[in-house]
Protein backbone atom coordinates (compact mmCIF):
# COMPACT_ATOMS: atom_id res chain seq x y z
CA UNK A 1 0.05 -0.29 -0.26
CA UNK A 2 1.36 3.47 -0.63
CA UNK A 3 1.06 5.95 2.12
CA UNK A 4 -0.40 9.80 2.20
CA UNK A 5 2.58 11.59 3.03
CA UNK A 6 2.81 15.25 4.28
CA UNK A 7 -1.04 15.99 3.66
CA UNK A 8 -1.27 17.54 7.34
CA UNK A 9 0.40 21.00 8.49
CA UNK A 10 3.23 20.38 11.34
CA UNK A 11 3.66 23.79 13.01
CA UNK A 12 6.08 24.03 15.42
CA UNK A 13 6.34 27.67 17.26
CA UNK A 14 7.51 28.20 20.61
CA UNK A 15 6.35 31.60 21.82
CA UNK A 16 6.95 33.02 25.61
CA UNK A 17 5.20 35.35 27.87
CA UNK A 18 5.27 37.10 30.99
CA UNK A 19 2.74 36.85 33.42
CA UNK A 20 2.38 38.48 36.97
CA UNK A 21 2.72 41.68 38.40
CA UNK A 22 6.11 43.28 36.94
CA UNK A 23 5.47 44.53 33.58
CA UNK A 24 2.83 44.15 31.05
CA UNK A 25 2.77 40.76 29.22
CA UNK A 26 4.74 40.62 25.86
CA UNK A 27 2.48 38.83 23.47
CA UNK A 28 0.42 38.76 20.17
CA UNK A 29 -2.92 38.46 21.56
CA UNK A 30 -5.99 39.69 23.51
CA UNK A 31 -4.70 40.71 26.91
CA UNK A 32 -5.56 43.45 29.50
CA UNK A 33 -2.69 44.14 32.23
CA UNK A 34 -2.58 47.03 34.57
CA UNK A 35 -0.21 46.57 38.14
CA UNK A 36 -2.37 44.55 39.68
CA UNK A 37 -3.62 41.96 36.89
CA UNK A 38 -2.91 40.63 33.61
CA UNK A 39 -4.84 38.17 31.39
CA UNK A 40 -3.68 36.33 28.58
CA UNK A 41 -5.90 34.14 26.08
CA UNK A 42 -5.24 32.05 23.30
CA UNK A 43 -8.12 30.21 21.55
CA UNK A 44 -7.29 28.19 18.19
CA UNK A 45 -10.32 26.85 15.40
CA UNK A 46 -8.44 23.93 13.42
CA UNK A 47 -9.62 21.73 11.03
CA UNK A 48 -8.21 18.46 10.57
CA UNK A 49 -4.95 19.40 11.71
CA UNK A 50 -1.75 18.19 13.14
CA UNK A 51 0.54 19.99 15.05
CA UNK A 52 2.70 20.37 18.06
CA UNK A 53 3.24 24.22 19.97
CA UNK A 54 4.56 24.74 22.97
CA UNK A 55 3.68 27.79 24.85
CA UNK A 56 6.20 29.78 28.06
CA UNK A 57 4.70 31.92 30.54
CA UNK A 58 6.58 33.20 33.38
CA UNK A 59 4.81 33.33 36.63
CA UNK A 60 5.91 36.34 39.24
CA UNK A 61 6.16 35.04 43.13
CA UNK A 62 3.50 36.65 45.12
CA UNK A 63 -0.03 36.79 42.69
CA UNK A 64 -2.79 34.49 42.56
CA UNK A 65 -3.28 32.58 39.37
CA UNK A 66 -6.13 31.08 37.46
CA UNK A 67 -6.03 28.78 34.61
CA UNK A 68 -8.39 27.03 32.44
CA UNK A 69 -8.74 25.26 29.50
CA UNK A 70 -12.08 24.60 27.61
CA UNK A 71 -12.46 23.19 23.80
CA UNK A 72 -14.14 20.64 22.10
CA UNK A 73 -13.29 18.26 19.34
CA UNK A 74 -15.45 16.81 16.48
CA UNK A 75 -12.77 14.74 15.15
CA UNK A 76 -9.49 13.33 15.94
CA UNK A 77 -7.66 14.59 19.51
CA UNK A 78 -6.43 17.41 21.32
CA UNK A 79 -3.83 17.22 23.95
CA UNK A 80 -2.80 20.00 26.33
CA UNK A 81 -0.15 19.45 28.83
CA UNK A 82 0.79 21.52 31.37
CA UNK A 83 4.32 21.50 32.89
CA UNK A 84 5.23 23.15 36.18
CA UNK A 85 8.62 25.22 36.48
CA UNK A 86 10.02 22.05 38.10
CA UNK A 87 9.26 20.13 34.72
CA UNK A 88 6.56 18.18 36.82
CA UNK A 89 3.61 17.77 35.04
CA UNK A 90 0.83 19.62 36.50
CA UNK A 91 -2.03 18.41 34.14
CA UNK A 92 -2.50 16.10 31.15
CA UNK A 93 -5.59 17.36 29.34
CA UNK A 94 -6.87 15.37 26.48
CA UNK A 95 -9.89 16.86 24.14
CA UNK A 96 -11.71 14.17 21.83
CA UNK A 97 -15.08 13.23 20.31
CA UNK A 98 -16.98 12.17 23.48
CA UNK A 99 -16.95 15.56 25.32
CA UNK A 100 -16.22 19.00 25.49
CA UNK A 101 -14.01 20.28 28.14
CA UNK A 102 -14.25 22.52 30.77
CA UNK A 103 -11.10 22.67 33.41
CA UNK A 104 -10.27 25.19 35.48
CA UNK A 105 -7.72 26.04 38.36
CA UNK A 106 -6.54 28.95 40.49
CA UNK A 107 -3.97 28.85 43.40
CA UNK A 108 -1.65 31.19 45.04
CA UNK A 109 2.14 31.17 44.33
CA UNK A 110 3.89 33.10 47.71
CA UNK A 111 7.15 32.37 49.72
CA UNK A 112 4.37 30.41 51.64
CA UNK A 113 2.82 28.72 49.46
CA UNK A 114 3.41 27.28 46.11
CA UNK A 115 6.71 28.54 45.77
CA UNK A 116 7.95 26.14 43.30
CA UNK A 117 5.08 27.08 41.32
CA UNK A 118 6.42 31.00 40.57
CA UNK A 119 8.66 30.20 37.47
CA UNK A 120 8.40 29.24 33.77
CA UNK A 121 5.16 27.09 33.01
CA UNK A 122 4.84 25.35 29.43
CA UNK A 123 1.66 24.61 28.01
CA UNK A 124 2.09 21.53 25.40
CA UNK A 125 -0.24 21.55 23.06
CA UNK A 126 -0.49 18.07 19.92
CA UNK A 127 -3.05 18.28 18.32
CA UNK A 128 -3.78 14.72 15.75
CA UNK A 129 -5.88 15.21 12.80
CA UNK A 130 -8.23 17.10 15.14
CA UNK A 131 -11.20 19.05 13.73
CA UNK A 132 -12.48 21.68 16.98
CA UNK A 133 -11.20 24.15 19.47
CA UNK A 134 -9.36 25.10 22.17
CA UNK A 135 -9.11 28.44 24.23
CA UNK A 136 -6.18 28.22 27.27
CA UNK A 137 -6.47 31.28 29.60
CA UNK A 138 -4.28 32.66 32.41
CA UNK A 139 -4.48 35.35 34.31
CA UNK A 140 -2.48 36.55 37.58
CA UNK A 141 -3.93 39.13 39.99
């Protein structure tokens, strides 16, 4: 048999963002920032697409963090892995045709609590022949 190769789109990019009390986020997507609150949203609709992409976020010490991921997939699958600054996987999220997803977590990051969660977080997105959409939101205040 003959294999159909090279039909899907492969995108690989690493984008880095800074969220926290110091300064505004540097990014190309919708955000609102002031000294107290920063929010970052990224959403993407995909059609029969396979790609892999990493997003990096810097989270400052002394902030409260709210992360959410939602999406749905009509076919294929979208996998979103959230990796903490220490390299451990915080959450491994799979969106497939069996249901839509609404995931949300919030936690404080300060000297007393979750100090290891300050630093660079990584969102790894892997879509496999997927049709659907996903949205990632990250807020600090």
